[in-house]
Amino acid sequence: MLLANPIVVAVLQALSEGSKPQSELRQVAGSPAQTTLRAQLRGLEEIHTVEGRRQNSFPGVREYELTATGRELVAVLSVLERWLAAAPEDPLPLGSTAAKAAIKALAEGWSTRMLRALAAGPLSLTELDRVIATLSYPSLERRLTAMRLVSLVEARSGDGRGTPYTVTQWLRAGVAPVMAAARWERRHIPNRTAPIGQLDVETAFLLTVPELGPFEGLSGSSRLAVEIPNGSKPRLAGVVVEVEEGTLGACITNMERPTDAWALGSAAAWLSAVIEGNTGDLDIGGDSRLAQALADALHASLFQVQLQSY
């Protein structure tokens, strides 16, 4: 949601080109009130993304520049911008009202667990109300409408007992900016943000894995699992994936099923594997070709990198 703020977006984009005085930042941000701009800059300073200092030659002028943390946030902004540019109707410019609506709908759908429910299959509003006890029916309806208006979900023909809604391809691609933002949060503001949990992991895998493939020459089952801290012994969250003659089949969250292969690691290891293609910190075993192919396919699918052959 920080990157849904037009002033923050304008400031980060301007500072990515080099240090700027506050007066210039106000201009590129659309000339907001001085108090509003100062509040936004103070918030960015508090999370160590920008750094302000007084100019020696002009004591009354304050100049800002990105920190290393801020430069990493600009990289997240680039991932978000690429996703917004692929919106189904027209590209959504960063900082626009339409982009803010899409980001808010994605973030709220994720944080309320609505996307976890919809990732498993189409559901009507009534069915969502049955599985999500933490939100009232009107609140669910409002959020579902918001996601539908920005093309994150779409209606399907039903059986007359309610309209089922399913996630769109564009929403599935939205896992990329969510993952980039999550890694930035865990690295730089862990005390201000919720840790990555079981439902986050399941949502990400269920949205992305069913779209992978084909996997030529490969068959079998593989566990893709994230180790979630849980006292002295971490618990596993993720999916079991079946591939038959190169075609992806079942994708379920039952971690107890025996598999032919596995890819296991911490949330940080998985974020590195999917975002950068670096699977070195994952424990890949069994039929390692299958597990490696699935991990690499996730990287290629979300971050548009050429998939190597096996």
C-alpha atoms as a PDB file:
ATOM      1  CA  MET A   1       0.000   0.000   0.000  1.00  0.00           C
ATOM      2  CA  LEU A   2       2.956   2.340   0.463  1.00  0.00           C
ATOM      3  CA  LEU A   3       3.529   2.150  -3.291  1.00  0.00           C
ATOM      4  CA  ALA A   4      -0.111   2.996  -3.985  1.00  0.00           C
ATOM      5  CA  ASN A   5       0.541   6.494  -2.639  1.00  0.00           C
ATOM      6  CA  PRO A   6       1.073   8.878  -5.612  1.00  0.00           C
ATOM      7  CA  ILE A   7       3.333  11.207  -3.614  1.00  0.00           C
ATOM      8  CA  VAL A   8       5.564   8.343  -2.468  1.00  0.00           C
ATOM      9  CA  VAL A   9       5.775   6.988  -6.023  1.00  0.00           C
ATOM     10  CA  ALA A  10       6.730  10.411  -7.418  1.00  0.00           C
ATOM     11  CA  VAL A  11       9.379  10.932  -4.707  1.00  0.00           C
ATOM     12  CA  LEU A  12      10.968   7.508  -5.193  1.00  0.00           C
ATOM     13  CA  GLN A  13      11.042   7.845  -8.976  1.00  0.00           C
ATOM     14  CA  ALA A  14      12.570  11.331  -8.780  1.00  0.00           C
ATOM     15  CA  LEU A  15      15.224  10.303  -6.243  1.00  0.00           C
ATOM     16  CA  SER A  16      16.153   7.243  -8.317  1.00  0.00           C
ATOM     17  CA  GLU A  17      17.695   9.770 -10.722  1.00  0.00           C
ATOM     18  CA  GLY A  18      19.749  11.413  -7.959  1.00  0.00           C
ATOM     19  CA  SER A  19      19.402  13.665  -4.914  1.00  0.00           C
ATOM     20  CA  LYS A  20      16.791  16.408  -5.083  1.00  0.00           C
ATOM     21  CA  PRO A  21      15.852  19.437  -2.973  1.00  0.00           C
ATOM     22  CA  GLN A  22      12.460  19.384  -1.281  1.00  0.00           C
ATOM     23  CA  SER A  23      11.164  22.117  -3.583  1.00  0.00           C
ATOM     24  CA  GLU A  24      11.820  19.961  -6.657  1.00  0.00           C
ATOM     25  CA  LEU A  25      10.231  16.906  -5.035  1.00  0.00           C
ATOM     26  CA  ARG A  26       7.117  18.958  -4.337  1.00  0.00           C
ATOM     27  CA  GLN A  27       6.950  19.946  -7.986  1.00  0.00           C
ATOM     28  CA  VAL A  28       7.260  16.393  -9.350  1.00  0.00           C
ATOM     29  CA  ALA A  29       4.713  15.160  -6.790  1.00  0.00           C
ATOM     30  CA  GLY A  30       2.052  17.486  -8.164  1.00  0.00           C
ATOM     31  CA  SER A  31       2.545  20.379  -5.725  1.00  0.00           C
ATOM     32  CA  PRO A  32       0.872  18.921  -2.624  1.00  0.00           C
ATOM     33  CA  ALA A  33       0.640  21.020   0.538  1.00  0.00           C
ATOM     34  CA  GLN A  34       4.018  21.510   2.212  1.00  0.00           C
ATOM     35  CA  THR A  35       2.765  19.795   5.361  1.00  0.00           C
ATOM     36  CA  THR A  36       1.577  16.792   3.340  1.00  0.00           C
ATOM     37  CA  LEU A  37       4.896  16.411   1.536  1.00  0.00           C
ATOM     38  CA  ARG A  38       6.885  16.793   4.757  1.00  0.00           C
ATOM     39  CA  ALA A  39       4.764  14.104   6.414  1.00  0.00           C
ATOM     40  CA  GLN A  40       5.384  11.690   3.542  1.00  0.00           C
ATOM     41  CA  LEU A  41       9.120  12.378   3.532  1.00  0.00           C
ATOM     42  CA  ARG A  42       9.264  11.954   7.301  1.00  0.00           C
ATOM     43  CA  GLY A  43       7.532   8.586   6.949  1.00  0.00           C
ATOM     44  CA  LEU A  44      10.058   7.477   4.336  1.00  0.00           C
ATOM     45  CA  GLU A  45      12.909   8.621   6.590  1.00  0.00           C
ATOM     46  CA  GLU A  46      11.476   6.598   9.485  1.00  0.00           C
ATOM     47  CA  ILE A  47      11.767   3.399   7.454  1.00  0.00           C
ATOM     48  CA  HIS A  48      15.239   4.443   6.254  1.00  0.00           C
ATOM     49  CA  THR A  49      14.374   4.644   2.558  1.00  0.00           C
ATOM     50  CA  VAL A  50      15.327   8.299   2.097  1.00  0.00           C
ATOM     51  CA  GLU A  51      17.787  10.524   3.880  1.00  0.00           C
ATOM     52  CA  GLY A  52      17.445  14.278   4.219  1.00  0.00           C
ATOM     53  CA  ARG A  53      20.140  16.843   4.931  1.00  0.00           C
ATOM     54  CA  ARG A  54      20.585  20.590   4.915  1.00  0.00           C
ATOM     55  CA  GLN A  55      22.521  22.086   2.035  1.00  0.00           C
ATOM     56  CA  ASN A  56      25.635  23.898   3.266  1.00  0.00           C
ATOM     57  CA  SER A  57      25.298  26.768   0.824  1.00  0.00           C
ATOM     58  CA  PHE A  58      21.593  27.222   1.539  1.00  0.00           C
ATOM     59  CA  PRO A  59      20.931  26.446   5.222  1.00  0.00           C
ATOM     60  CA  GLY A  60      17.159  26.688   4.786  1.00  0.00           C
ATOM     61  CA  VAL A  61      17.047  24.187   1.905  1.00  0.00           C
ATOM     62  CA  ARG A  62      16.680  20.490   2.645  1.00  0.00           C
ATOM     63  CA  GLU A  63      17.876  17.919   0.103  1.00  0.00           C
ATOM     64  CA  TYR A  64      16.944  14.239  -0.072  1.00  0.00           C
ATOM     65  CA  GLU A  65      18.501  11.106  -1.503  1.00  0.00           C
ATOM     66  CA  LEU A  66      17.748   7.393  -1.550  1.00  0.00           C
ATOM     67  CA  THR A  67      19.433   5.057   0.896  1.00  0.00           C
ATOM     68  CA  ALA A  68      20.415   1.494  -0.027  1.00  0.00           C
ATOM     69  CA  THR A  69      17.081   0.423   1.447  1.00  0.00           C
ATOM     70  CA  GLY A  70      15.348   2.991  -0.734  1.00  0.00           C
ATOM     71  CA  ARG A  71      17.063   1.733  -3.854  1.00  0.00           C
ATOM     72  CA  GLU A  72      15.780  -1.764  -3.089  1.00  0.00           C
ATOM     73  CA  LEU A  73      12.282  -0.302  -2.717  1.00  0.00           C
ATOM     74  CA  VAL A  74      12.615   1.286  -6.158  1.00  0.00           C
ATOM     75  CA  ALA A  75      13.343  -2.213  -7.496  1.00  0.00           C
ATOM     76  CA  VAL A  76      10.057  -3.372  -5.958  1.00  0.00           C
ATOM     77  CA  LEU A  77       8.408  -0.382  -7.616  1.00  0.00           C
ATOM     78  CA  SER A  78       9.726  -1.593 -10.979  1.00  0.00           C
ATOM     79  CA  VAL A  79       8.149  -5.024 -10.490  1.00  0.00           C
ATOM     80  CA  LEU A  80       4.859  -3.374  -9.543  1.00  0.00           C
ATOM     81  CA  GLU A  81       5.049  -1.059 -12.553  1.00  0.00           C
ATOM     82  CA  ARG A  82       5.542  -4.014 -14.910  1.00  0.00           C
ATOM     83  CA  TRP A  83       2.476  -5.740 -13.460  1.00  0.00           C
ATOM     84  CA  LEU A  84       0.323  -2.604 -13.746  1.00  0.00           C
ATOM     85  CA  ALA A  85       1.441  -2.148 -17.356  1.00  0.00           C
ATOM     86  CA  ALA A  86      -0.030  -5.569 -18.180  1.00  0.00           C
ATOM     87  CA  ALA A  87      -3.544  -4.727 -16.910  1.00  0.00           C
ATOM     88  CA  PRO A  88      -6.206  -6.377 -19.106  1.00  0.00           C
ATOM     89  CA  GLU A  89      -7.899  -3.237 -20.405  1.00  0.00           C
ATOM     90  CA  ASP A  90      -5.161  -0.596 -20.569  1.00  0.00           C
ATOM     91  CA  PRO A  91      -1.822  -0.059 -18.821  1.00  0.00           C
ATOM     92  CA  LEU A  92      -2.263   1.530 -15.384  1.00  0.00           C
ATOM     93  CA  PRO A  93       0.323   4.274 -14.778  1.00  0.00           C
ATOM     94  CA  LEU A  94       2.043   4.202 -11.400  1.00  0.00           C
ATOM     95  CA  GLY A  95       0.637   6.878  -9.141  1.00  0.00           C
ATOM     96  CA  SER A  96      -2.715   7.012 -10.930  1.00  0.00           C
ATOM     97  CA  THR A  97      -6.095   6.588  -9.262  1.00  0.00           C
ATOM     98  CA  ALA A  98      -6.676   3.373 -11.226  1.00  0.00           C
ATOM     99  CA  ALA A  99      -3.324   1.945 -10.125  1.00  0.00           C
ATOM    100  CA  LYS A 100      -4.101   2.791  -6.504  1.00  0.00           C
ATOM    101  CA  ALA A 101      -7.446   0.967  -6.753  1.00  0.00           C
ATOM    102  CA  ALA A 102      -5.794  -2.132  -8.248  1.00  0.00           C
ATOM    103  CA  ILE A 103      -3.005  -2.220  -5.644  1.00  0.00           C
ATOM    104  CA  LYS A 104      -5.478  -1.745  -2.793  1.00  0.00           C
ATOM    105  CA  ALA A 105      -7.764  -4.505  -4.099  1.00  0.00           C
ATOM    106  CA  LEU A 106      -4.808  -6.898  -4.465  1.00  0.00           C
ATOM    107  CA  ALA A 107      -3.397  -6.105  -1.015  1.00  0.00           C
ATOM    108  CA  GLU A 108      -6.752  -6.353   0.760  1.00  0.00           C
ATOM    109  CA  GLY A 109      -7.731  -9.518  -1.093  1.00  0.00           C
ATOM    110  CA  TRP A 110      -4.455 -11.080   0.047  1.00  0.00           C
ATOM    111  CA  SER A 111      -4.468  -9.876   3.652  1.00  0.00           C
ATOM    112  CA  THR A 112      -8.107 -10.878   4.265  1.00  0.00           C
ATOM    113  CA  ARG A 113      -7.425 -14.419   2.932  1.00  0.00           C
ATOM    114  CA  MET A 114     -10.030 -13.983   0.186  1.00  0.00           C
ATOM    115  CA  LEU A 115      -7.384 -14.791  -2.421  1.00  0.00           C
ATOM    116  CA  ARG A 116      -6.370 -17.934  -0.521  1.00  0.00           C
ATOM    117  CA  ALA A 117      -9.966 -19.128  -0.760  1.00  0.00           C
ATOM    118  CA  LEU A 118     -10.364 -18.185  -4.434  1.00  0.00           C
ATOM    119  CA  ALA A 119      -6.967 -19.652  -5.360  1.00  0.00           C
ATOM    120  CA  ALA A 120      -8.341 -23.114  -4.574  1.00  0.00           C
ATOM    121  CA  GLY A 121     -11.215 -22.700  -7.051  1.00  0.00           C
ATOM    122  CA  PRO A 122     -14.226 -20.562  -8.013  1.00  0.00           C
ATOM    123  CA  LEU A 123     -16.478 -19.467  -5.141  1.00  0.00           C
ATOM    124  CA  SER A 124     -19.656 -17.441  -4.862  1.00  0.00           C
ATOM    125  CA  LEU A 125     -20.018 -14.629  -2.352  1.00  0.00           C
ATOM    126  CA  THR A 126     -22.138 -16.875  -0.151  1.00  0.00           C
ATOM    127  CA  GLU A 127     -19.476 -19.582  -0.228  1.00  0.00           C
ATOM    128  CA  LEU A 128     -16.770 -17.041   0.617  1.00  0.00           C
ATOM    129  CA  ASP A 129     -18.875 -15.948   3.582  1.00  0.00           C
ATOM    130  CA  ARG A 130     -18.921 -19.537   4.833  1.00  0.00           C
ATOM    131  CA  VAL A 131     -15.137 -20.006   4.703  1.00  0.00           C
ATOM    132  CA  ILE A 132     -13.997 -16.547   5.905  1.00  0.00           C
ATOM    133  CA  ALA A 133     -15.402 -15.952   9.370  1.00  0.00           C
ATOM    134  CA  THR A 134     -13.310 -12.866  10.109  1.00  0.00           C
ATOM    135  CA  LEU A 135     -15.198 -10.578   7.698  1.00  0.00           C
ATOM    136  CA  SER A 136     -18.852  -9.634   7.574  1.00  0.00           C
ATOM    137  CA  TYR A 137     -20.918 -10.365   4.479  1.00  0.00           C
ATOM    138  CA  PRO A 138     -21.052  -6.648   3.460  1.00  0.00           C
ATOM    139  CA  SER A 139     -17.275  -6.349   3.891  1.00  0.00           C
ATOM    140  CA  LEU A 140     -16.676  -9.420   1.732  1.00  0.00           C
ATOM    141  CA  GLU A 141     -19.075  -8.098  -0.890  1.00  0.00           C
ATOM    142  CA  ARG A 142     -17.341  -4.717  -0.963  1.00  0.00           C
ATOM    143  CA  ARG A 143     -13.897  -6.248  -1.402  1.00  0.00           C
ATOM    144  CA  LEU A 144     -15.068  -8.753  -4.002  1.00  0.00           C
ATOM    145  CA  THR A 145     -16.663  -5.919  -5.976  1.00  0.00           C
ATOM    146  CA  ALA A 146     -13.426  -3.932  -5.778  1.00  0.00           C
ATOM    147  CA  MET A 147     -11.449  -6.890  -7.144  1.00  0.00           C
ATOM    148  CA  ARG A 148     -13.983  -7.430  -9.927  1.00  0.00           C
ATOM    149  CA  LEU A 149     -13.933  -3.760 -10.979  1.00  0.00           C
ATOM    150  CA  VAL A 150     -10.160  -3.843 -11.481  1.00  0.00           C
ATOM    151  CA  SER A 151     -10.204  -7.241 -13.256  1.00  0.00           C
ATOM    152  CA  LEU A 152      -8.571  -9.298 -10.508  1.00  0.00           C
ATOM    153  CA  VAL A 153     -11.529 -11.667 -10.446  1.00  0.00           C
ATOM    154  CA  GLU A 154     -14.270 -12.419 -12.962  1.00  0.00           C
ATOM    155  CA  ALA A 155     -17.709 -13.990 -12.806  1.00  0.00           C
ATOM    156  CA  ARG A 156     -18.388 -17.432 -14.245  1.00  0.00           C
ATOM    157  CA  SER A 157     -21.647 -19.109 -15.137  1.00  0.00           C
ATOM    158  CA  GLY A 158     -23.098 -20.884 -12.118  1.00  0.00           C
ATOM    159  CA  ASP A 159     -25.767 -23.407 -11.272  1.00  0.00           C
ATOM    160  CA  GLY A 160     -28.324 -20.842 -10.189  1.00  0.00           C
ATOM    161  CA  ARG A 161     -27.301 -20.867  -6.514  1.00  0.00           C
ATOM    162  CA  GLY A 162     -25.028 -17.856  -6.751  1.00  0.00           C
ATOM    163  CA  THR A 163     -22.465 -16.417  -9.134  1.00  0.00           C
ATOM    164  CA  PRO A 164     -19.040 -18.048  -8.749  1.00  0.00           C
ATOM    165  CA  TYR A 165     -15.970 -15.855  -9.096  1.00  0.00           C
ATOM    166  CA  THR A 166     -12.560 -16.992 -10.276  1.00  0.00           C
ATOM    167  CA  VAL A 167      -9.148 -15.331 -10.306  1.00  0.00           C
ATOM    168  CA  THR A 168      -7.862 -13.839 -13.562  1.00  0.00           C
ATOM    169  CA  GLN A 169      -4.517 -14.415 -15.226  1.00  0.00           C
ATOM    170  CA  TRP A 170      -3.571 -10.863 -14.329  1.00  0.00           C
ATOM    171  CA  LEU A 171      -4.202 -11.529 -10.652  1.00  0.00           C
ATOM    172  CA  ARG A 172      -1.992 -14.620 -10.843  1.00  0.00           C
ATOM    173  CA  ALA A 173       0.787 -12.431 -12.259  1.00  0.00           C
ATOM    174  CA  GLY A 174       0.245 -10.101  -9.288  1.00  0.00           C
ATOM    175  CA  VAL A 175       2.051 -12.619  -7.085  1.00  0.00           C
ATOM    176  CA  ALA A 176       5.307 -11.134  -8.450  1.00  0.00           C
ATOM    177  CA  PRO A 177       4.949  -7.655  -6.863  1.00  0.00           C
ATOM    178  CA  VAL A 178       3.549  -9.245  -3.688  1.00  0.00           C
ATOM    179  CA  MET A 179       6.656 -11.426  -3.378  1.00  0.00           C
ATOM    180  CA  ALA A 180       9.018  -8.552  -4.156  1.00  0.00           C
ATOM    181  CA  ALA A 181       7.303  -6.395  -1.530  1.00  0.00           C
ATOM    182  CA  ALA A 182       7.300  -9.215   1.030  1.00  0.00           C
ATOM    183  CA  ARG A 183      11.047  -9.732   0.673  1.00  0.00           C
ATOM    184  CA  TRP A 184      11.676  -6.007   1.084  1.00  0.00           C
ATOM    185  CA  GLU A 185       9.495  -5.944   4.217  1.00  0.00           C
ATOM    186  CA  ARG A 186      11.222  -8.901   5.832  1.00  0.00           C
ATOM    187  CA  ARG A 187      14.657  -7.472   5.089  1.00  0.00           C
ATOM    188  CA  HIS A 188      14.072  -3.886   6.154  1.00  0.00           C
ATOM    189  CA  ILE A 189      10.972  -3.440   8.335  1.00  0.00           C
ATOM    190  CA  PRO A 190      10.350  -6.842   9.960  1.00  0.00           C
ATOM    191  CA  ASN A 191       9.113  -5.277  13.197  1.00  0.00           C
ATOM    192  CA  ARG A 192       6.472  -3.232  11.374  1.00  0.00           C
ATOM    193  CA  THR A 193       5.054  -6.011   9.211  1.00  0.00           C
ATOM    194  CA  ALA A 194       3.529  -9.453   9.656  1.00  0.00           C
ATOM    195  CA  PRO A 195       5.793 -12.465   9.059  1.00  0.00           C
ATOM    196  CA  ILE A 196       5.150 -14.732   6.086  1.00  0.00           C
ATOM    197  CA  GLY A 197       2.719 -17.424   7.211  1.00  0.00           C
ATOM    198  CA  GLN A 198       1.221 -20.671   6.021  1.00  0.00           C
ATOM    199  CA  LEU A 199      -1.717 -19.074   4.200  1.00  0.00           C
ATOM    200  CA  ASP A 200       0.586 -16.617   2.406  1.00  0.00           C
ATOM    201  CA  VAL A 201       2.672 -19.509   1.115  1.00  0.00           C
ATOM    202  CA  GLU A 202      -0.351 -21.529   0.036  1.00  0.00           C
ATOM    203  CA  THR A 203      -1.885 -18.533  -1.728  1.00  0.00           C
ATOM    204  CA  ALA A 204       1.288 -17.867  -3.712  1.00  0.00           C
ATOM    205  CA  PHE A 205       1.747 -21.483  -4.800  1.00  0.00           C
ATOM    206  CA  LEU A 206      -1.928 -22.129  -5.595  1.00  0.00           C
ATOM    207  CA  LEU A 207      -2.108 -19.011  -7.755  1.00  0.00           C
ATOM    208  CA  THR A 208       1.076 -19.650  -9.718  1.00  0.00           C
ATOM    209  CA  VAL A 209       1.837 -23.372  -9.951  1.00  0.00           C
ATOM    210  CA  PRO A 210      -1.294 -24.418 -11.958  1.00  0.00           C
ATOM    211  CA  GLU A 211      -0.155 -22.181 -14.835  1.00  0.00           C
ATOM    212  CA  LEU A 212       3.297 -23.758 -15.191  1.00  0.00           C
ATOM    213  CA  GLY A 213       4.545 -26.148 -17.819  1.00  0.00           C
ATOM    214  CA  PRO A 214       4.858 -28.044 -20.013  1.00  0.00           C
ATOM    215  CA  PHE A 215       7.709 -30.080 -18.533  1.00  0.00           C
ATOM    216  CA  GLU A 216       8.912 -32.164 -21.441  1.00  0.00           C
ATOM    217  CA  GLY A 217      10.185 -35.618 -20.500  1.00  0.00           C
ATOM    218  CA  LEU A 218       9.262 -35.304 -16.809  1.00  0.00           C
ATOM    219  CA  SER A 219       6.741 -37.216 -14.706  1.00  0.00           C
ATOM    220  CA  GLY A 220       6.201 -37.680 -10.989  1.00  0.00           C
ATOM    221  CA  SER A 221       5.212 -35.765  -7.886  1.00  0.00           C
ATOM    222  CA  SER A 222       7.092 -33.079  -6.013  1.00  0.00           C
ATOM    223  CA  ARG A 223       6.656 -31.255  -2.737  1.00  0.00           C
ATOM    224  CA  LEU A 224       7.293 -27.496  -2.834  1.00  0.00           C
ATOM    225  CA  ALA A 225       7.551 -26.508   0.805  1.00  0.00           C
ATOM    226  CA  VAL A 226       8.440 -23.457   2.868  1.00  0.00           C
ATOM    227  CA  GLU A 227       9.669 -23.863   6.436  1.00  0.00           C
ATOM    228  CA  ILE A 228       7.517 -21.693   8.706  1.00  0.00           C
ATOM    229  CA  PRO A 229       9.048 -20.929  12.159  1.00  0.00           C
ATOM    230  CA  ASN A 230       7.080 -22.738  14.860  1.00  0.00           C
ATOM    231  CA  GLY A 231       9.029 -22.956  18.095  1.00  0.00           C
ATOM    232  CA  SER A 232      11.872 -25.454  18.042  1.00  0.00           C
ATOM    233  CA  LYS A 233      10.615 -27.304  14.955  1.00  0.00           C
ATOM    234  CA  PRO A 234       9.414 -25.458  11.831  1.00  0.00           C
ATOM    235  CA  ARG A 235       6.247 -26.613  10.123  1.00  0.00           C
ATOM    236  CA  LEU A 236       5.923 -27.014   6.381  1.00  0.00           C
ATOM    237  CA  ALA A 237       3.580 -25.002   4.166  1.00  0.00           C
ATOM    238  CA  GLY A 238       3.216 -25.351   0.434  1.00  0.00           C
ATOM    239  CA  VAL A 239       1.871 -27.703  -2.206  1.00  0.00           C
ATOM    240  CA  VAL A 240       2.311 -31.177  -3.644  1.00  0.00           C
ATOM    241  CA  VAL A 241       2.424 -31.072  -7.440  1.00  0.00           C
ATOM    242  CA  GLU A 242       1.873 -33.948  -9.835  1.00  0.00           C
ATOM    243  CA  VAL A 243       3.286 -34.007 -13.374  1.00  0.00           C
ATOM    244  CA  GLU A 244       2.331 -36.701 -15.881  1.00  0.00           C
ATOM    245  CA  GLU A 245       4.269 -36.950 -19.140  1.00  0.00           C
ATOM    246  CA  GLY A 246       5.172 -33.280 -19.006  1.00  0.00           C
ATOM    247  CA  THR A 247       1.684 -32.021 -18.148  1.00  0.00           C
ATOM    248  CA  LEU A 248       0.944 -30.527 -14.753  1.00  0.00           C
ATOM    249  CA  GLY A 249      -1.920 -32.231 -12.920  1.00  0.00           C
ATOM    250  CA  ALA A 250      -3.024 -31.946  -9.313  1.00  0.00           C
ATOM    251  CA  CYS A 251      -1.756 -29.166  -7.046  1.00  0.00           C
ATOM    252  CA  ILE A 252      -2.853 -29.671  -3.443  1.00  0.00           C
ATOM    253  CA  THR A 253      -1.832 -28.362  -0.018  1.00  0.00           C
ATOM    254  CA  ASN A 254      -1.640 -31.756   1.726  1.00  0.00           C
ATOM    255  CA  MET A 255       1.960 -31.867   2.889  1.00  0.00           C
ATOM    256  CA  GLU A 256       1.652 -35.425   4.223  1.00  0.00           C
ATOM    257  CA  ARG A 257       1.524 -37.127   0.842  1.00  0.00           C
ATOM    258  CA  PRO A 258       4.707 -39.022  -0.178  1.00  0.00           C
ATOM    259  CA  THR A 259       6.417 -37.598  -3.259  1.00  0.00           C
ATOM    260  CA  ASP A 260       9.140 -38.491  -5.745  1.00  0.00           C
ATOM    261  CA  ALA A 261      10.933 -35.154  -5.298  1.00  0.00           C
ATOM    262  CA  TRP A 262      11.042 -32.106  -3.094  1.00  0.00           C
ATOM    263  CA  ALA A 263      12.232 -28.521  -2.933  1.00  0.00           C
ATOM    264  CA  LEU A 264      12.416 -27.269   0.640  1.00  0.00           C
ATOM    265  CA  GLY A 265      13.663 -24.054   2.200  1.00  0.00           C
ATOM    266  CA  SER A 266      13.014 -20.989   4.290  1.00  0.00           C
ATOM    267  CA  ALA A 267      10.803 -18.160   3.058  1.00  0.00           C
ATOM    268  CA  ALA A 268      13.946 -16.143   2.310  1.00  0.00           C
ATOM    269  CA  ALA A 269      15.413 -19.014   0.276  1.00  0.00           C
ATOM    270  CA  TRP A 270      12.217 -19.361  -1.748  1.00  0.00           C
ATOM    271  CA  LEU A 271      11.970 -15.620  -2.369  1.00  0.00           C
ATOM    272  CA  SER A 272      15.531 -15.655  -3.688  1.00  0.00           C
ATOM    273  CA  ALA A 273      14.777 -18.680  -5.872  1.00  0.00           C
ATOM    274  CA  VAL A 274      11.622 -17.226  -7.421  1.00  0.00           C
ATOM    275  CA  ILE A 275      12.728 -13.591  -7.733  1.00  0.00           C
ATOM    276  CA  GLU A 276      16.335 -14.112  -8.812  1.00  0.00           C
ATOM    277  CA  GLY A 277      16.405 -17.729  -9.977  1.00  0.00           C
ATOM    278  CA  ASN A 278      18.918 -18.583  -7.252  1.00  0.00           C
ATOM    279  CA  THR A 279      17.933 -22.029  -5.966  1.00  0.00           C
ATOM    280  CA  GLY A 280      21.223 -22.659  -4.187  1.00  0.00           C
ATOM    281  CA  ASP A 281      19.703 -22.272  -0.712  1.00  0.00           C
ATOM    282  CA  LEU A 282      16.866 -24.715  -1.381  1.00  0.00           C
ATOM    283  CA  ASP A 283      17.129 -28.370  -0.347  1.00  0.00           C
ATOM    284  CA  ILE A 284      16.282 -30.115  -3.643  1.00  0.00           C
ATOM    285  CA  GLY A 285      16.147 -33.895  -3.546  1.00  0.00           C
ATOM    286  CA  GLY A 286      14.616 -37.094  -4.828  1.00  0.00           C
ATOM    287  CA  ASP A 287      14.003 -36.708  -8.560  1.00  0.00           C
ATOM    288  CA  SER A 288      15.892 -33.442  -8.514  1.00  0.00           C
ATOM    289  CA  ARG A 289      15.225 -32.700 -12.187  1.00  0.00           C
ATOM    290  CA  LEU A 290      11.490 -32.438 -11.510  1.00  0.00           C
ATOM    291  CA  ALA A 291      11.831 -30.292  -8.380  1.00  0.00           C
ATOM    292  CA  GLN A 292      14.401 -28.041 -10.077  1.00  0.00           C
ATOM    293  CA  ALA A 293      12.197 -27.663 -13.141  1.00  0.00           C
ATOM    294  CA  LEU A 294       9.241 -26.552 -11.021  1.00  0.00           C
ATOM    295  CA  ALA A 295      11.317 -24.027  -9.068  1.00  0.00           C
ATOM    296  CA  ASP A 296      12.828 -22.619 -12.259  1.00  0.00           C
ATOM    297  CA  ALA A 297       9.425 -22.452 -13.925  1.00  0.00           C
ATOM    298  CA  LEU A 298       8.100 -20.321 -11.060  1.00  0.00           C
ATOM    299  CA  HIS A 299      10.988 -17.911 -11.580  1.00  0.00           C
ATOM    300  CA  ALA A 300      10.444 -17.780 -15.325  1.00  0.00           C
ATOM    301  CA  SER A 301       6.674 -17.378 -15.065  1.00  0.00           C
ATOM    302  CA  LEU A 302       6.653 -14.534 -12.538  1.00  0.00           C
ATOM    303  CA  PHE A 303       9.815 -12.667 -13.447  1.00  0.00           C
ATOM    304  CA  GLN A 304       9.944 -13.246 -17.214  1.00  0.00           C
ATOM    305  CA  VAL A 305      13.298 -14.965 -17.445  1.00  0.00           C
ATOM    306  CA  GLN A 306      14.131 -17.480 -20.170  1.00  0.00           C
ATOM    307  CA  LEU A 307      13.647 -20.998 -18.798  1.00  0.00           C
ATOM    308  CA  GLN A 308      16.597 -23.282 -19.385  1.00  0.00           C
ATOM    309  CA  SER A 309      16.082 -26.699 -20.924  1.00  0.00           C
ATOM    310  CA  TYR A 310      16.407 -29.972 -18.988  1.00  0.00           C
END
